[in-house]
Amino acid sequence: MTSDSLGDRPWYQDWPVGVDKIIDVPEIGMGELLRDTASKHPDNKAVVFLDSVITYRQLDDYVDRFATALHNLGLRKGDVAAVMLPNSHQFVIAFFACQRLGVTVTAINPTYKAMEVKHQLNDSGAKALIVLDSVFEAPAKIIRETGIKHLIGTNIADVCGFSPIKIFLGKLLKKIPTGKMPPETLSFKELLKTQPNVPEVTINPAEDLAVLQYTGGTTGTPKGAMLTAKNLVSNVAMGSAWIRGVDPSWGWVGVLPLFHVFAMTCCMNMAVATGGYQLLFPRPPAEMKEWAAQIEKWGKGTSMVMAGVAVLFNKINNTEGLDQFDLSPLKKCLSGAGPLPRDVQLTFEKKIGSLVVEGYGLSESSPVVTANPFELPEGSERVWGSIGLPFPNTDAKIMDLETGDTQLGYGEDQVGELCVKGPQVMKGYYNRPEESARALRDGWLYTGDVAYMNDRGWIFIMDRARDLVKHKGYSVFPKEVEDYMFSHPKILEVAVVGLPDPAVGEKLKAFVVLKDDFEGQVEEQEIIAWCKENMTHYKVPATVEFRDELPKTMVGKVLRRVLKEEELSKA
């Protein structure tokens, strides 16, 4: 990537201050990335979890020990290990131990049910499963129907250094969740006692698979995006350049789950690459005061970055009493996995004092490809509603929706499929050559997202191509309707889907979660009447259903597909 032409890359006109357009990416594996950081900052905090700390020296040693143990079990370069763990010391150790050996990690959502776990284990060909004891109930039902040869179990407190009596009482009082594992289970804790003797393994960063990242099922049966070490290291280098100013004293807040590549990159890997520490939460806090207390405690004297989603920022906005905590360490936040409403963004910045910018990415791109700048050049202003500008070393273009062969121009009338290209883009889908060929064309990733680009390179997502609704011949983007409805003062969350209707083609239905103060006090017709006042006729939902909550992925992305399937099954 060498061209500096504004004609090719109009986003250079508003390029963020101090960020190089092209950056050097080290040709190393993830295991070597950790080794380098541990040699430079051995006594720095590496991971903070359940108020226990391990340093980079300790992390590097744990990783060597666990890598040696996996090698002794027979795992070799090119094999796949499944990691079914929440955010924890163990997740970080297991991930980097696999990277040292050239073993590919496939991370499994700990809330998955038996059939979902079976699909991922069999599709990936995993030989080992590293699992939390308290979530083993699901894989226990199907593990004999998979190719798993080694079962490694761990308790959430295993690497926290708690005293035996504290752990015993914690389990007894159900403060520390636990679960039964079969007799043949190998102990994660015991494997960490292995004398380190990691074999020499040559890693080809551009070719060898570091991660099989499953798409999460929002597009049907989950498929594994093949991410190389170069993909992951590139995205970390881009992110570090974009955020600017971070140093080894900074903390990276891990509220989102590390099994998803958003947090894997924007928390775990970014922390390791910069020599900072990751503050991990075992699950998104049910009570945001718990989150605030941790920010205050561990952020004292440092600065912090947090990757989040709109649902999380909105929850913080609607939590009373956070002003009693010192949240000043939180300096920069990146929002992804769905649109960030302007009201949520501005309220969060005013309440917390931290900048928050919207970015965009996919599992297939490690994941980030665009973001709004944290610092714009003089004379430039924030662009609302945009997913921002392409990252360094990254190209973007809009292609026609019909054939995908014609590149469109700039402007709101040039709506097509967003395509991206860069060193963070996957090799393809695991064992799915036809789907890989459809998604990857001449190095370009066809995202499936409908978007346009303005003449300064800012990109605006309209919707997923498959979610486009045709109503009386009009094209309606559910995301646009949701954005308008979100500004209603009584609405906390909203999702809109299109449903078949012989009279109009498809009709819109909105699913609404009301703010606590208005539950049970709002009628369907009130919402519809408001929509008629604020939107053109073909964007107004025909029906509104009130819900206590909306179905979401663990990252917080609303699952429109689930809502639509529910409605179609009723019909």
Protein backbone atom coordinates (compact mmCIF):
# COMPACT_ATOMS: atom_id res chain seq x y z
CA MET A 1 0.00 0.00 0.00
CA THR A 2 1.86 3.07 -1.22
CA SER A 3 -0.55 5.42 -3.03
CA ASP A 4 -1.16 8.71 -1.25
CA SER A 5 -3.66 9.98 -3.83
CA LEU A 6 -6.70 11.79 -2.49
CA GLY A 7 -8.60 10.44 -5.47
CA ASP A 8 -7.93 6.92 -4.26
CA ARG A 9 -8.28 7.69 -0.57
CA PRO A 10 -10.43 10.76 0.10
CA TRP A 11 -10.33 9.99 3.85
CA TYR A 12 -6.80 11.42 3.97
CA GLN A 13 -8.40 14.92 3.90
CA ASP A 14 -9.63 14.50 7.48
CA TRP A 15 -6.87 12.18 8.64
CA PRO A 16 -6.44 12.24 12.44
CA VAL A 17 -3.63 14.27 13.96
CA GLY A 18 -0.39 12.40 14.58
CA VAL A 19 -1.46 9.09 13.01
CA ASP A 20 0.68 7.66 10.22
CA LYS A 21 -1.26 6.65 7.13
CA ILE A 22 1.00 3.65 6.57
CA ILE A 23 2.55 1.87 9.54
CA ASP A 24 5.11 -0.89 9.86
CA VAL A 25 3.77 -4.21 11.16
CA PRO A 26 6.31 -6.51 12.85
CA GLU A 27 6.53 -9.96 11.25
CA ILE A 28 6.10 -11.89 14.49
CA GLY A 29 3.67 -14.33 16.05
CA MET A 30 1.50 -13.55 19.06
CA GLY A 31 3.68 -15.68 21.33
CA GLU A 32 6.71 -13.65 20.37
CA LEU A 33 4.74 -10.42 20.92
CA LEU A 34 4.20 -11.40 24.54
CA ARG A 35 7.83 -12.49 24.92
CA ASP A 36 9.05 -9.10 23.69
CA THR A 37 6.80 -7.20 26.10
CA ALA A 38 7.72 -9.42 29.04
CA SER A 39 11.42 -8.82 28.39
CA LYS A 40 10.91 -5.04 28.27
CA HIS A 41 8.43 -4.69 31.16
CA PRO A 42 8.79 -7.80 33.35
CA ASP A 43 7.50 -6.19 36.55
CA ASN A 44 4.55 -4.33 35.02
CA LYS A 45 1.05 -5.50 35.82
CA ALA A 46 -0.17 -7.72 32.97
CA VAL A 47 -3.57 -9.00 34.11
CA VAL A 48 -5.84 -7.84 36.93
CA PHE A 49 -8.68 -10.24 37.68
CA LEU A 50 -10.84 -10.64 40.81
CA ASP A 51 -8.47 -8.20 42.54
CA SER A 52 -5.48 -10.46 41.90
CA VAL A 53 -2.52 -9.37 39.78
CA ILE A 54 -0.02 -11.24 37.63
CA THR A 55 2.97 -9.43 36.16
CA TYR A 56 4.42 -9.88 32.68
CA ARG A 57 7.24 -11.97 34.18
CA GLN A 58 4.67 -14.29 35.79
CA LEU A 59 2.45 -14.36 32.69
CA ASP A 60 5.37 -15.27 30.44
CA ASP A 61 6.37 -18.06 32.82
CA TYR A 62 2.80 -19.41 33.09
CA VAL A 63 2.53 -19.36 29.30
CA ASP A 64 5.78 -21.33 28.91
CA ARG A 65 4.66 -23.88 31.49
CA PHE A 66 1.25 -24.38 29.95
CA ALA A 67 2.69 -24.51 26.42
CA THR A 68 5.12 -27.22 27.56
CA ALA A 69 2.25 -29.17 29.13
CA LEU A 70 0.21 -28.97 25.92
CA HIS A 71 3.22 -30.12 23.91
CA ASN A 72 3.73 -33.04 26.31
CA LEU A 73 0.12 -34.03 25.65
CA GLY A 74 0.90 -34.24 21.95
CA LEU A 75 -0.47 -30.95 20.61
CA ARG A 76 1.54 -29.72 17.65
CA LYS A 77 1.66 -26.80 15.26
CA GLY A 78 -1.52 -26.73 13.16
CA ASP A 79 -3.66 -28.51 15.75
CA VAL A 80 -6.69 -26.72 17.21
CA ALA A 81 -7.44 -26.17 20.91
CA ALA A 82 -10.85 -24.98 22.07
CA VAL A 83 -10.96 -22.47 24.94
CA MET A 84 -14.33 -22.28 26.70
CA LEU A 85 -13.53 -19.75 29.40
CA PRO A 86 -14.82 -16.38 30.57
CA ASN A 87 -12.46 -13.44 30.95
CA SER A 88 -9.83 -14.68 33.40
CA HIS A 89 -6.13 -15.25 33.97
CA GLN A 90 -6.62 -18.70 32.44
CA PHE A 91 -7.99 -17.37 29.16
CA VAL A 92 -4.92 -15.17 28.63
CA ILE A 93 -2.49 -17.95 29.61
CA ALA A 94 -4.16 -20.59 27.42
CA PHE A 95 -4.39 -18.25 24.44
CA PHE A 96 -0.71 -17.28 24.41
CA ALA A 97 0.48 -20.79 25.28
CA CYS A 98 -1.22 -22.03 22.12
CA GLN A 99 0.40 -19.21 20.13
CA ARG A 100 3.86 -20.26 21.35
CA LEU A 101 3.26 -23.72 19.88
CA GLY A 102 1.57 -22.64 16.66
CA VAL A 103 -1.64 -24.25 17.94
CA THR A 104 -4.77 -22.52 16.66
CA VAL A 105 -7.22 -21.23 19.28
CA THR A 106 -10.95 -21.44 18.76
CA ALA A 107 -12.69 -19.63 21.62
CA ILE A 108 -16.18 -20.83 22.57
CA ASN A 109 -18.86 -18.72 24.22
CA PRO A 110 -19.18 -20.13 27.79
CA THR A 111 -22.97 -19.70 27.61
CA TYR A 112 -23.31 -21.96 24.55
CA LYS A 113 -25.61 -24.97 24.79
CA ALA A 114 -24.66 -28.52 23.90
CA MET A 115 -25.43 -28.47 20.16
CA GLU A 116 -23.65 -25.13 19.67
CA VAL A 117 -20.53 -26.45 21.43
CA LYS A 118 -20.66 -29.68 19.41
CA HIS A 119 -20.83 -27.78 16.13
CA GLN A 120 -17.80 -25.63 16.91
CA LEU A 121 -15.70 -28.51 18.26
CA ASN A 122 -16.43 -30.71 15.27
CA ASP A 123 -16.25 -28.00 12.64
CA SER A 124 -12.87 -26.79 13.94
CA GLY A 125 -11.49 -30.29 14.53
CA ALA A 126 -10.36 -29.32 18.03
CA LYS A 127 -8.21 -31.90 19.84
CA ALA A 128 -8.25 -30.26 23.28
CA LEU A 129 -10.93 -28.47 25.27
CA ILE A 130 -9.92 -26.07 28.05
CA VAL A 131 -13.11 -25.36 29.99
CA LEU A 132 -14.38 -23.73 33.18
CA ASP A 133 -15.81 -26.31 35.55
CA SER A 134 -19.01 -24.33 36.18
CA VAL A 135 -19.98 -24.34 32.48
CA PHE A 136 -19.02 -27.94 31.69
CA GLU A 137 -22.64 -29.13 31.88
CA ALA A 138 -23.23 -28.27 28.21
CA PRO A 139 -20.10 -29.84 26.66
CA ALA A 140 -20.50 -32.87 28.97
CA LYS A 141 -23.56 -33.90 26.95
CA ILE A 142 -21.73 -34.09 23.63
CA ILE A 143 -17.99 -34.40 24.25
CA ARG A 144 -17.94 -38.10 23.32
CA GLU A 145 -19.41 -37.14 19.92
CA THR A 146 -16.41 -34.94 19.13
CA GLY A 147 -12.70 -35.41 18.40
CA ILE A 148 -11.60 -34.03 21.77
CA LYS A 149 -8.68 -36.11 23.09
CA HIS A 150 -7.69 -33.94 26.07
CA LEU A 151 -10.09 -32.32 28.53
CA ILE A 152 -8.55 -29.64 30.74
CA GLY A 153 -10.67 -28.17 33.52
CA THR A 154 -10.24 -25.13 35.71
CA ASN A 155 -12.06 -23.23 38.42
CA ILE A 156 -12.44 -19.47 38.08
CA ALA A 157 -10.20 -18.87 41.14
CA ASP A 158 -7.39 -21.29 40.20
CA VAL A 159 -4.75 -18.68 39.29
CA CYS A 160 -5.84 -15.93 41.67
CA GLY A 161 -3.54 -16.93 44.53
CA PHE A 162 -6.38 -17.17 47.03
CA SER A 163 -5.74 -19.22 50.17
CA PRO A 164 -7.25 -22.75 50.25
CA ILE A 165 -9.63 -21.74 53.06
CA LYS A 166 -10.85 -18.71 51.08
CA ILE A 167 -11.50 -20.87 48.04
CA PHE A 168 -13.25 -23.55 50.15
CA LEU A 169 -15.51 -20.98 51.81
CA GLY A 170 -16.13 -19.21 48.50
CA LYS A 171 -17.37 -22.43 46.90
CA LEU A 172 -19.34 -23.39 50.01
CA LEU A 173 -21.11 -20.02 50.08
CA LYS A 174 -21.51 -20.10 46.28
CA LYS A 175 -19.46 -16.93 45.92
CA ILE A 176 -17.09 -18.91 43.67
CA PRO A 177 -19.07 -20.89 41.07
CA THR A 178 -17.97 -24.48 40.55
CA GLY A 179 -19.07 -27.63 38.75
CA LYS A 180 -18.29 -31.33 38.43
CA MET A 181 -15.75 -32.58 35.92
CA PRO A 182 -15.21 -36.24 34.90
CA PRO A 183 -12.35 -38.26 36.46
CA GLU A 184 -10.16 -38.11 33.33
CA THR A 185 -10.09 -34.29 33.41
CA LEU A 186 -6.63 -32.76 33.54
CA SER A 187 -6.21 -29.90 36.01
CA PHE A 188 -5.23 -26.52 34.52
CA LYS A 189 -3.75 -25.61 37.89
CA GLU A 190 -1.60 -28.75 37.98
CA LEU A 191 -0.44 -28.31 34.39
CA LEU A 192 0.92 -24.88 35.37
CA LYS A 193 3.42 -26.74 37.59
CA THR A 194 5.07 -28.28 34.50
CA GLN A 195 8.74 -27.36 34.20
CA PRO A 196 8.97 -24.99 31.22
CA ASN A 197 10.68 -26.47 28.16
CA VAL A 198 8.92 -25.00 25.15
CA PRO A 199 10.04 -26.53 21.85
CA GLU A 200 11.36 -24.31 19.06
CA VAL A 201 8.45 -23.70 16.70
CA THR A 202 8.81 -21.63 13.54
CA ILE A 203 5.75 -19.42 13.03
CA ASN A 204 4.91 -17.98 9.61
CA PRO A 205 2.81 -14.97 10.68
CA ALA A 206 1.18 -14.50 7.28
CA GLU A 207 0.17 -18.14 6.81
CA ASP A 208 -0.20 -19.96 10.12
CA LEU A 209 -3.60 -19.75 11.78
CA ALA A 210 -3.62 -18.10 15.19
CA VAL A 211 -7.40 -18.09 15.70
CA LEU A 212 -10.49 -19.71 14.24
CA GLN A 213 -13.03 -17.01 15.10
CA TYR A 214 -16.57 -18.29 14.71
CA THR A 215 -19.07 -15.78 13.42
CA GLY A 216 -21.46 -16.26 16.35
CA GLY A 217 -24.42 -17.49 14.36
CA THR A 218 -25.94 -14.13 13.35
CA THR A 219 -25.52 -15.27 9.74
CA GLY A 220 -26.87 -18.80 10.13
CA THR A 221 -24.66 -21.77 11.10
CA PRO A 222 -21.46 -20.32 12.58
CA LYS A 223 -18.38 -20.61 10.40
CA GLY A 224 -14.75 -20.15 11.35
CA ALA A 225 -12.92 -17.09 10.06
CA MET A 226 -9.24 -18.05 9.64
CA LEU A 227 -7.18 -15.33 11.32
CA THR A 228 -3.41 -15.44 11.09
CA ALA A 229 -0.88 -13.99 13.51
CA LYS A 230 -0.26 -11.23 10.95
CA ASN A 231 -3.98 -10.40 10.93
CA LEU A 232 -4.00 -9.99 14.72
CA VAL A 233 -0.65 -8.19 15.04
CA SER A 234 -1.63 -5.82 12.20
CA ASN A 235 -4.89 -4.84 13.85
CA VAL A 236 -3.16 -4.23 17.17
CA ALA A 237 -0.55 -2.02 15.47
CA MET A 238 -3.27 -0.06 13.69
CA GLY A 239 -5.31 0.37 16.87
CA SER A 240 -2.31 1.53 18.90
CA ALA A 241 -1.47 4.11 16.22
CA TRP A 242 -5.08 5.31 16.06
CA ILE A 243 -5.58 5.75 19.81
CA ARG A 244 -2.20 7.49 20.23
CA GLY A 245 -0.43 8.39 23.42
CA VAL A 246 -0.82 5.06 25.21
CA ASP A 247 2.18 3.77 27.12
CA PRO A 248 2.96 0.84 29.45
CA SER A 249 1.18 2.54 32.35
CA TRP A 250 -2.22 2.42 30.63
CA GLY A 251 -4.98 -0.02 31.51
CA TRP A 252 -7.32 -1.76 29.08
CA VAL A 253 -10.77 -2.44 30.53
CA GLY A 254 -12.08 -5.91 29.65
CA VAL A 255 -15.83 -5.75 30.17
CA LEU A 256 -16.62 -7.44 26.85
CA PRO A 257 -15.83 -11.17 26.52
CA LEU A 258 -12.39 -12.15 25.26
CA PHE A 259 -13.85 -15.07 23.28
CA HIS A 260 -15.09 -12.44 20.83
CA VAL A 261 -12.40 -10.94 18.63
CA PHE A 262 -13.44 -7.36 19.49
CA ALA A 263 -12.25 -7.69 23.10
CA MET A 264 -9.53 -10.18 22.16
CA THR A 265 -7.92 -7.47 20.02
CA CYS A 266 -9.02 -4.22 21.69
CA CYS A 267 -8.32 -5.34 25.24
CA MET A 268 -6.09 -8.42 25.58
CA ASN A 269 -3.83 -8.05 22.56
CA MET A 270 -3.63 -4.25 22.77
CA ALA A 271 -2.57 -4.49 26.41
CA VAL A 272 0.14 -7.02 25.60
CA ALA A 273 1.39 -5.04 22.59
CA THR A 274 1.71 -1.81 24.58
CA GLY A 275 2.96 -3.28 27.85
CA GLY A 276 -0.15 -2.13 29.69
CA TYR A 277 -2.45 -4.13 31.94
CA GLN A 278 -5.86 -5.60 31.25
CA LEU A 279 -8.54 -5.20 33.91
CA LEU A 280 -10.81 -8.20 33.34
CA PHE A 281 -14.39 -8.70 34.45
CA PRO A 282 -15.59 -12.34 34.43
CA ARG A 283 -18.85 -11.13 32.91
CA PRO A 284 -20.35 -7.73 32.06
CA PRO A 285 -21.27 -6.31 35.49
CA ALA A 286 -24.96 -6.54 36.37
CA GLU A 287 -24.47 -3.45 38.52
CA MET A 288 -22.43 -0.63 36.97
CA LYS A 289 -21.35 0.60 40.41
CA GLU A 290 -19.24 -2.57 40.58
CA TRP A 291 -17.61 -1.50 37.30
CA ALA A 292 -17.07 2.04 38.60
CA ALA A 293 -15.46 0.80 41.81
CA GLN A 294 -12.94 -1.25 39.81
CA ILE A 295 -12.14 1.69 37.52
CA GLU A 296 -11.53 3.89 40.56
CA LYS A 297 -9.42 1.27 42.36
CA TRP A 298 -7.17 0.09 39.53
CA GLY A 299 -7.10 3.26 37.49
CA LYS A 300 -5.61 5.38 40.26
CA GLY A 301 -2.53 7.12 38.87
CA THR A 302 -3.00 5.68 35.39
CA SER A 303 -5.10 6.22 32.26
CA MET A 304 -7.51 3.68 30.81
CA VAL A 305 -9.09 2.66 27.51
CA MET A 306 -12.32 0.68 27.21
CA ALA A 307 -13.89 -1.14 24.28
CA GLY A 308 -17.66 -1.24 24.64
CA VAL A 309 -20.99 -1.37 22.88
CA ALA A 310 -23.91 1.06 22.80
CA VAL A 311 -25.90 -1.07 25.28
CA LEU A 312 -23.07 -0.82 27.82
CA PHE A 313 -22.59 2.94 27.42
CA ASN A 314 -26.36 3.43 27.68
CA LYS A 315 -26.49 1.34 30.85
CA ILE A 316 -23.76 3.48 32.39
CA ASN A 317 -25.67 6.61 31.35
CA ASN A 318 -28.78 5.36 33.14
CA THR A 319 -27.05 4.33 36.38
CA GLU A 320 -27.54 6.72 39.29
CA GLY A 321 -24.82 7.34 41.83
CA LEU A 322 -21.73 6.98 39.64
CA ASP A 323 -20.68 10.52 40.58
CA GLN A 324 -19.47 9.12 43.93
CA PHE A 325 -16.64 7.31 42.08
CA ASP A 326 -13.50 8.78 40.55
CA LEU A 327 -13.84 7.75 36.89
CA SER A 328 -11.28 10.27 35.62
CA PRO A 329 -8.75 7.53 34.68
CA LEU A 330 -11.06 6.48 31.83
CA LYS A 331 -9.80 8.61 28.96
CA LYS A 332 -10.81 6.94 25.69
CA CYS A 333 -13.51 4.48 24.66
CA LEU A 334 -14.18 2.70 21.39
CA SER A 335 -17.72 1.58 20.60
CA GLY A 336 -18.41 -1.23 18.14
CA ALA A 337 -20.59 -4.25 17.30
CA GLY A 338 -23.45 -1.99 16.24
CA PRO A 339 -24.43 1.66 15.87
CA LEU A 340 -23.72 4.19 18.63
CA PRO A 341 -26.64 6.63 18.93
CA ARG A 342 -25.53 10.24 19.19
CA ASP A 343 -27.55 10.83 22.39
CA VAL A 344 -25.81 7.89 24.08
CA GLN A 345 -22.40 9.11 22.96
CA LEU A 346 -22.85 12.70 24.12
CA THR A 347 -24.50 11.74 27.42
CA PHE A 348 -21.67 9.32 28.23
CA GLU A 349 -18.97 11.88 27.44
CA LYS A 350 -20.67 14.52 29.59
CA LYS A 351 -21.32 12.14 32.50
CA ILE A 352 -18.01 10.24 32.55
CA GLY A 353 -15.65 12.74 30.93
CA SER A 354 -14.18 10.18 28.56
CA LEU A 355 -14.14 10.47 24.79
CA VAL A 356 -16.06 7.70 23.03
CA VAL A 357 -15.85 7.13 19.28
CA GLU A 358 -17.64 4.66 17.06
CA GLY A 359 -15.69 2.10 15.09
CA TYR A 360 -16.61 -0.74 12.75
CA GLY A 361 -15.31 -4.21 12.20
CA LEU A 362 -16.07 -7.84 11.56
CA SER A 363 -14.88 -11.21 12.85
CA GLU A 364 -13.42 -11.61 9.37
CA SER A 365 -11.13 -8.58 9.81
CA SER A 366 -9.65 -9.18 13.27
CA PRO A 367 -11.95 -7.07 13.72
CA VAL A 368 -11.45 -3.28 13.25
CA VAL A 369 -11.36 -1.67 9.80
CA THR A 370 -12.67 1.86 10.46
CA ALA A 371 -13.07 4.26 13.37
CA ASN A 372 -13.83 7.86 14.13
CA PRO A 373 -10.71 9.83 15.08
CA PHE A 374 -9.99 10.75 18.68
CA GLU A 375 -8.33 13.94 17.44
CA LEU A 376 -9.30 15.65 14.20
CA PRO A 377 -7.11 18.06 12.22
CA GLU A 378 -7.66 21.78 12.82
CA GLY A 379 -10.78 23.03 11.06
CA SER A 380 -12.45 19.61 10.92
CA GLU A 381 -15.53 18.73 12.96
CA ARG A 382 -17.02 15.49 14.22
CA VAL A 383 -19.13 13.65 11.67
CA TRP A 384 -22.21 12.22 13.35
CA GLY A 385 -23.67 8.87 12.33
CA SER A 386 -20.51 7.70 10.58
CA ILE A 387 -18.42 4.62 11.36
CA GLY A 388 -15.43 6.84 10.64
CA LEU A 389 -12.43 6.53 8.34
CA PRO A 390 -10.44 3.46 7.28
CA PHE A 391 -7.61 2.47 9.63
CA PRO A 392 -3.95 2.84 8.56
CA ASN A 393 -2.93 0.32 5.87
CA THR A 394 -6.63 -0.19 5.10
CA ASP A 395 -8.63 0.56 1.96
CA ALA A 396 -12.39 0.78 1.52
CA LYS A 397 -14.79 1.13 -1.41
CA ILE A 398 -18.49 0.85 -2.16
CA MET A 399 -19.58 -1.69 -4.80
CA ASP A 400 -22.95 -2.05 -6.49
CA LEU A 401 -25.45 -4.35 -4.75
CA GLU A 402 -26.58 -6.23 -7.85
CA THR A 403 -23.30 -7.67 -9.14
CA GLY A 404 -20.59 -6.40 -6.80
CA ASP A 405 -18.49 -5.61 -9.87
CA THR A 406 -18.98 -1.84 -10.25
CA GLN A 407 -17.40 0.65 -7.87
CA LEU A 408 -19.77 3.46 -6.94
CA GLY A 409 -18.99 7.13 -6.40
CA TYR A 410 -19.42 9.33 -3.34
CA GLY A 411 -22.62 10.60 -1.74
CA GLU A 412 -25.88 9.49 -0.15
CA ASP A 413 -27.27 8.35 -3.49
CA GLN A 414 -24.32 5.98 -4.02
CA VAL A 415 -25.46 3.19 -1.71
CA GLY A 416 -23.86 -0.23 -2.16
CA GLU A 417 -21.90 -2.95 -0.40
CA LEU A 418 -18.97 -1.89 1.76
CA CYS A 419 -15.75 -3.69 0.79
CA VAL A 420 -12.48 -3.45 2.71
CA LYS A 421 -8.88 -4.53 2.14
CA GLY A 422 -5.91 -4.66 4.47
CA PRO A 423 -3.50 -6.93 6.36
CA GLN A 424 -6.13 -7.57 9.05
CA VAL A 425 -8.49 -9.36 6.60
CA MET A 426 -8.84 -13.12 7.13
CA LYS A 427 -7.48 -15.89 4.89
CA GLY A 428 -11.01 -17.22 4.40
CA TYR A 429 -13.59 -19.44 6.07
CA TYR A 430 -12.36 -22.75 7.44
CA ASN A 431 -13.23 -25.64 5.10
CA ARG A 432 -15.70 -23.46 3.18
CA PRO A 433 -14.10 -22.63 -0.19
CA GLU A 434 -17.34 -21.46 -1.85
CA GLU A 435 -18.23 -19.06 0.95
CA SER A 436 -14.62 -17.86 1.07
CA ALA A 437 -14.69 -17.12 -2.68
CA ARG A 438 -17.92 -15.17 -2.24
CA ALA A 439 -16.58 -13.08 0.64
CA LEU A 440 -13.03 -12.55 -0.65
CA ARG A 441 -12.49 -11.23 -4.17
CA ASP A 442 -9.06 -10.11 -5.30
CA GLY A 443 -8.08 -9.47 -1.68
CA TRP A 444 -11.21 -7.42 -0.94
CA LEU A 445 -13.57 -8.51 1.82
CA TYR A 446 -17.22 -8.05 0.82
CA THR A 447 -18.76 -7.25 4.18
CA GLY A 448 -22.46 -7.69 3.44
CA ASP A 449 -23.10 -4.26 4.92
CA VAL A 450 -24.96 -1.63 2.91
CA ALA A 451 -23.22 1.74 3.07
CA TYR A 452 -22.14 4.88 1.30
CA MET A 453 -19.00 7.04 1.45
CA ASN A 454 -19.01 10.82 1.25
CA ASP A 455 -16.48 12.81 -0.76
CA ARG A 456 -14.16 13.13 2.26
CA GLY A 457 -14.03 9.38 2.86
CA TRP A 458 -16.41 9.12 5.82
CA ILE A 459 -18.41 5.88 5.70
CA PHE A 460 -22.05 5.56 6.73
CA ILE A 461 -23.61 2.14 7.33
CA MET A 462 -27.23 1.88 6.25
CA ASP A 463 -27.85 -1.75 7.25
CA ARG A 464 -27.03 -5.36 6.64
CA ALA A 465 -27.94 -6.29 3.05
CA ARG A 466 -30.12 -9.18 4.25
CA ASP A 467 -32.05 -6.91 6.67
CA LEU A 468 -33.21 -4.49 3.96
CA VAL A 469 -37.03 -4.27 4.02
CA LYS A 470 -39.13 -3.70 0.90
CA HIS A 471 -42.35 -1.91 1.80
CA LYS A 472 -44.67 -0.83 -1.05
CA GLY A 473 -41.62 -0.70 -3.30
CA TYR A 474 -39.65 1.50 -0.91
CA SER A 475 -36.33 0.34 0.51
CA VAL A 476 -36.39 0.70 4.30
CA PHE A 477 -33.30 0.25 6.48
CA PRO A 478 -34.32 -1.03 9.94
CA LYS A 479 -31.25 0.64 11.47
CA GLU A 480 -32.45 4.06 10.33
CA VAL A 481 -35.89 3.51 11.89
CA GLU A 482 -34.24 2.27 15.10
CA ASP A 483 -32.02 5.37 15.24
CA TYR A 484 -35.03 7.66 15.03
CA MET A 485 -37.04 5.68 17.59
CA PHE A 486 -34.09 5.59 19.96
CA SER A 487 -34.41 9.35 20.39
CA HIS A 488 -37.90 8.86 21.92
CA PRO A 489 -37.53 9.94 25.57
CA LYS A 490 -39.26 6.81 26.94
CA ILE A 491 -37.44 4.17 24.84
CA LEU A 492 -34.38 2.41 26.24
CA GLU A 493 -33.80 -0.14 23.43
CA VAL A 494 -35.46 -0.89 20.10
CA ALA A 495 -35.15 -3.40 17.27
CA VAL A 496 -37.04 -3.31 13.97
CA VAL A 497 -37.64 -6.20 11.55
CA GLY A 498 -39.51 -6.68 8.31
CA LEU A 499 -42.25 -9.32 8.11
CA PRO A 500 -43.97 -10.71 4.99
CA ASP A 501 -47.28 -9.05 4.11
CA PRO A 502 -49.11 -9.83 0.84
CA ALA A 503 -50.63 -6.35 0.65
CA VAL A 504 -47.42 -4.30 0.99
CA GLY A 505 -44.58 -6.79 0.46
CA GLU A 506 -43.15 -6.43 3.96
CA LYS A 507 -44.37 -4.54 7.01
CA LEU A 508 -42.27 -3.20 9.86
CA LYS A 509 -42.56 -4.39 13.43
CA ALA A 510 -40.73 -2.68 16.29
CA PHE A 511 -39.72 -4.39 19.53
CA VAL A 512 -39.31 -1.84 22.31
CA VAL A 513 -37.79 -1.94 25.79
CA LEU A 514 -38.97 1.03 27.85
CA LYS A 515 -36.91 2.91 30.41
CA ASP A 516 -37.64 1.77 33.98
CA ASP A 517 -39.66 4.87 34.85
CA PHE A 518 -42.11 4.25 31.99
CA GLU A 519 -42.67 0.48 32.15
CA GLY A 520 -46.37 -0.34 31.82
CA GLN A 521 -47.28 3.31 31.18
CA VAL A 522 -46.95 3.50 27.40
CA GLU A 523 -49.39 2.20 24.80
CA GLU A 524 -48.51 0.88 21.35
CA GLN A 525 -50.47 3.66 19.63
CA GLU A 526 -48.50 6.34 21.46
CA ILE A 527 -45.27 5.04 19.94
CA ILE A 528 -46.79 4.65 16.47
CA ALA A 529 -48.25 8.18 16.62
CA TRP A 530 -44.82 9.54 17.57
CA CYS A 531 -43.26 7.69 14.64
CA LYS A 532 -45.82 9.19 12.25
CA GLU A 533 -44.88 12.66 13.47
CA ASN A 534 -41.17 12.05 13.06
CA MET A 535 -40.77 9.74 10.04
CA THR A 536 -42.13 9.45 6.53
CA HIS A 537 -45.08 7.08 6.15
CA TYR A 538 -43.24 4.04 4.75
CA LYS A 539 -40.77 3.98 7.69
CA VAL A 540 -43.47 3.87 10.38
CA PRO A 541 -43.81 0.47 12.11
CA ALA A 542 -47.20 -1.18 11.63
CA THR A 543 -47.00 -2.75 15.09
CA VAL A 544 -45.04 -2.28 18.30
CA GLU A 545 -44.40 -4.98 20.87
CA PHE A 546 -43.05 -4.15 24.32
CA ARG A 547 -40.41 -6.47 25.75
CA ASP A 548 -38.51 -6.68 29.04
CA GLU A 549 -35.33 -7.31 27.06
CA LEU A 550 -34.11 -7.97 23.53
CA PRO A 551 -32.13 -11.05 22.47
CA LYS A 552 -28.45 -10.16 22.15
CA THR A 553 -25.09 -11.73 21.52
CA MET A 554 -22.63 -11.78 24.44
CA VAL A 555 -21.03 -8.68 22.91
CA GLY A 556 -24.34 -6.83 23.10
CA LYS A 557 -25.42 -6.88 19.47
CA VAL A 558 -29.20 -7.17 19.12
CA LEU A 559 -30.22 -10.33 17.27
CA ARG A 560 -32.85 -9.14 14.80
CA ARG A 561 -32.72 -12.59 13.19
CA VAL A 562 -34.01 -14.23 16.39
CA LEU A 563 -36.91 -11.76 16.63
CA LYS A 564 -37.82 -12.33 12.98
CA GLU A 565 -37.69 -16.12 13.37
CA GLU A 566 -39.98 -15.90 16.40
CA GLU A 567 -42.54 -13.92 14.41
CA LEU A 568 -42.35 -16.20 11.38
CA SER A 569 -42.83 -19.28 13.56
CA LYS A 570 -45.98 -17.71 15.08
CA ALA A 571 -47.33 -17.04 11.59
